[in-house]
Amino acid sequence: MPYLCGRTLTIADIIIFNELSQFLFLTNENFKEGKLAGMEKLEYWYSTQMATDKIVMALDERMKEYL
């Protein structure tokens, strides 16, 4: 399944992406080392499914402006 809750993008994907994106932004964590190392499926979902969506990324950038 390409998304966390099925074959289509859901509000759950957006909420979890937002939380994870803010966590990565604020802590400088990444998927190569630290707490998230070895989470290949999560990294795939984050970088391939979500981070390539233009609308999701535009909203992500706007959210980070307020951090």
C-alpha atoms as a PDB file:
ATOM      1  CA  MET A   1       0.000   0.000   0.000  1.00  0.00           C
ATOM      2  CA  PRO A   2       1.429   3.366  -0.973  1.00  0.00           C
ATOM      3  CA  TYR A   3      -0.082   5.335   1.930  1.00  0.00           C
ATOM      4  CA  LEU A   4      -0.316   4.618   5.648  1.00  0.00           C
ATOM      5  CA  CYS A   5      -4.018   3.809   5.627  1.00  0.00           C
ATOM      6  CA  GLY A   6      -4.577   2.383   2.182  1.00  0.00           C
ATOM      7  CA  ARG A   7      -4.247   3.027  -1.503  1.00  0.00           C
ATOM      8  CA  THR A   8      -5.311   6.681  -1.373  1.00  0.00           C
ATOM      9  CA  LEU A   9      -4.171   9.732   0.525  1.00  0.00           C
ATOM     10  CA  THR A  10      -6.184  10.233   3.731  1.00  0.00           C
ATOM     11  CA  ILE A  11      -6.300  12.824   6.484  1.00  0.00           C
ATOM     12  CA  ALA A  12      -4.256  10.396   8.602  1.00  0.00           C
ATOM     13  CA  ASP A  13      -1.386  10.621   6.102  1.00  0.00           C
ATOM     14  CA  ILE A  14      -1.509  14.401   6.185  1.00  0.00           C
ATOM     15  CA  ILE A  15      -1.575  14.596   9.989  1.00  0.00           C
ATOM     16  CA  ILE A  16       1.268  12.123  10.465  1.00  0.00           C
ATOM     17  CA  PHE A  17       3.325  13.712   7.691  1.00  0.00           C
ATOM     18  CA  ASN A  18       2.893  17.124   9.301  1.00  0.00           C
ATOM     19  CA  GLU A  19       3.983  15.835  12.704  1.00  0.00           C
ATOM     20  CA  LEU A  20       6.960  13.947  11.303  1.00  0.00           C
ATOM     21  CA  SER A  21       8.016  16.836   9.093  1.00  0.00           C
ATOM     22  CA  GLN A  22       7.948  19.267  12.007  1.00  0.00           C
ATOM     23  CA  PHE A  23       9.844  16.781  14.197  1.00  0.00           C
ATOM     24  CA  LEU A  24      12.562  16.377  11.562  1.00  0.00           C
ATOM     25  CA  PHE A  25      12.748  20.139  11.041  1.00  0.00           C
ATOM     26  CA  LEU A  26      13.014  21.013  14.728  1.00  0.00           C
ATOM     27  CA  THR A  27      15.374  18.233  15.824  1.00  0.00           C
ATOM     28  CA  ASN A  28      17.584  17.866  12.738  1.00  0.00           C
ATOM     29  CA  GLU A  29      16.916  14.109  12.847  1.00  0.00           C
ATOM     30  CA  ASN A  30      16.996  12.079   9.642  1.00  0.00           C
ATOM     31  CA  PHE A  31      16.317   8.568   8.382  1.00  0.00           C
ATOM     32  CA  LYS A  32      19.996   7.629   8.091  1.00  0.00           C
ATOM     33  CA  GLU A  33      20.984   7.846  11.762  1.00  0.00           C
ATOM     34  CA  GLY A  34      19.482   8.265  15.201  1.00  0.00           C
ATOM     35  CA  LYS A  35      15.973   7.335  16.218  1.00  0.00           C
ATOM     36  CA  LEU A  36      14.656   6.896  12.683  1.00  0.00           C
ATOM     37  CA  ALA A  37      17.512   4.841  11.261  1.00  0.00           C
ATOM     38  CA  GLY A  38      16.351   1.589   9.731  1.00  0.00           C
ATOM     39  CA  MET A  39      12.740   2.668   9.214  1.00  0.00           C
ATOM     40  CA  GLU A  40      12.807   2.097   5.471  1.00  0.00           C
ATOM     41  CA  LYS A  41       9.042   1.904   4.979  1.00  0.00           C
ATOM     42  CA  LEU A  42       8.469   5.137   6.863  1.00  0.00           C
ATOM     43  CA  GLU A  43      11.260   6.815   4.917  1.00  0.00           C
ATOM     44  CA  TYR A  44       9.763   5.586   1.627  1.00  0.00           C
ATOM     45  CA  TRP A  45       6.303   6.867   2.552  1.00  0.00           C
ATOM     46  CA  TYR A  46       7.714  10.206   3.716  1.00  0.00           C
ATOM     47  CA  SER A  47      10.101  10.900   0.846  1.00  0.00           C
ATOM     48  CA  THR A  48       8.377   9.189  -2.073  1.00  0.00           C
ATOM     49  CA  GLN A  49       4.657   9.348  -1.427  1.00  0.00           C
ATOM     50  CA  MET A  50       4.299  12.544   0.557  1.00  0.00           C
ATOM     51  CA  ALA A  51       7.287  14.792  -0.191  1.00  0.00           C
ATOM     52  CA  THR A  52       6.662  14.572  -3.928  1.00  0.00           C
ATOM     53  CA  ASP A  53       3.101  15.901  -3.639  1.00  0.00           C
ATOM     54  CA  LYS A  54       3.177  19.596  -4.578  1.00  0.00           C
ATOM     55  CA  ILE A  55       0.159  20.546  -2.481  1.00  0.00           C
ATOM     56  CA  VAL A  56       1.376  18.708   0.611  1.00  0.00           C
ATOM     57  CA  MET A  57       4.815  20.299   0.308  1.00  0.00           C
ATOM     58  CA  ALA A  58       3.388  23.796  -0.184  1.00  0.00           C
ATOM     59  CA  LEU A  59       1.361  23.396   2.998  1.00  0.00           C
ATOM     60  CA  ASP A  60       4.368  21.908   4.776  1.00  0.00           C
ATOM     61  CA  GLU A  61       6.465  24.953   3.949  1.00  0.00           C
ATOM     62  CA  ARG A  62       3.724  27.280   5.192  1.00  0.00           C
ATOM     63  CA  MET A  63       3.489  25.363   8.476  1.00  0.00           C
ATOM     64  CA  LYS A  64       7.246  25.612   9.004  1.00  0.00           C
ATOM     65  CA  GLU A  65       7.054  29.408   8.675  1.00  0.00           C
ATOM     66  CA  TYR A  66       5.250  29.459  12.023  1.00  0.00           C
ATOM     67  CA  LEU A  67       7.746  27.326  13.923  1.00  0.00           C
END
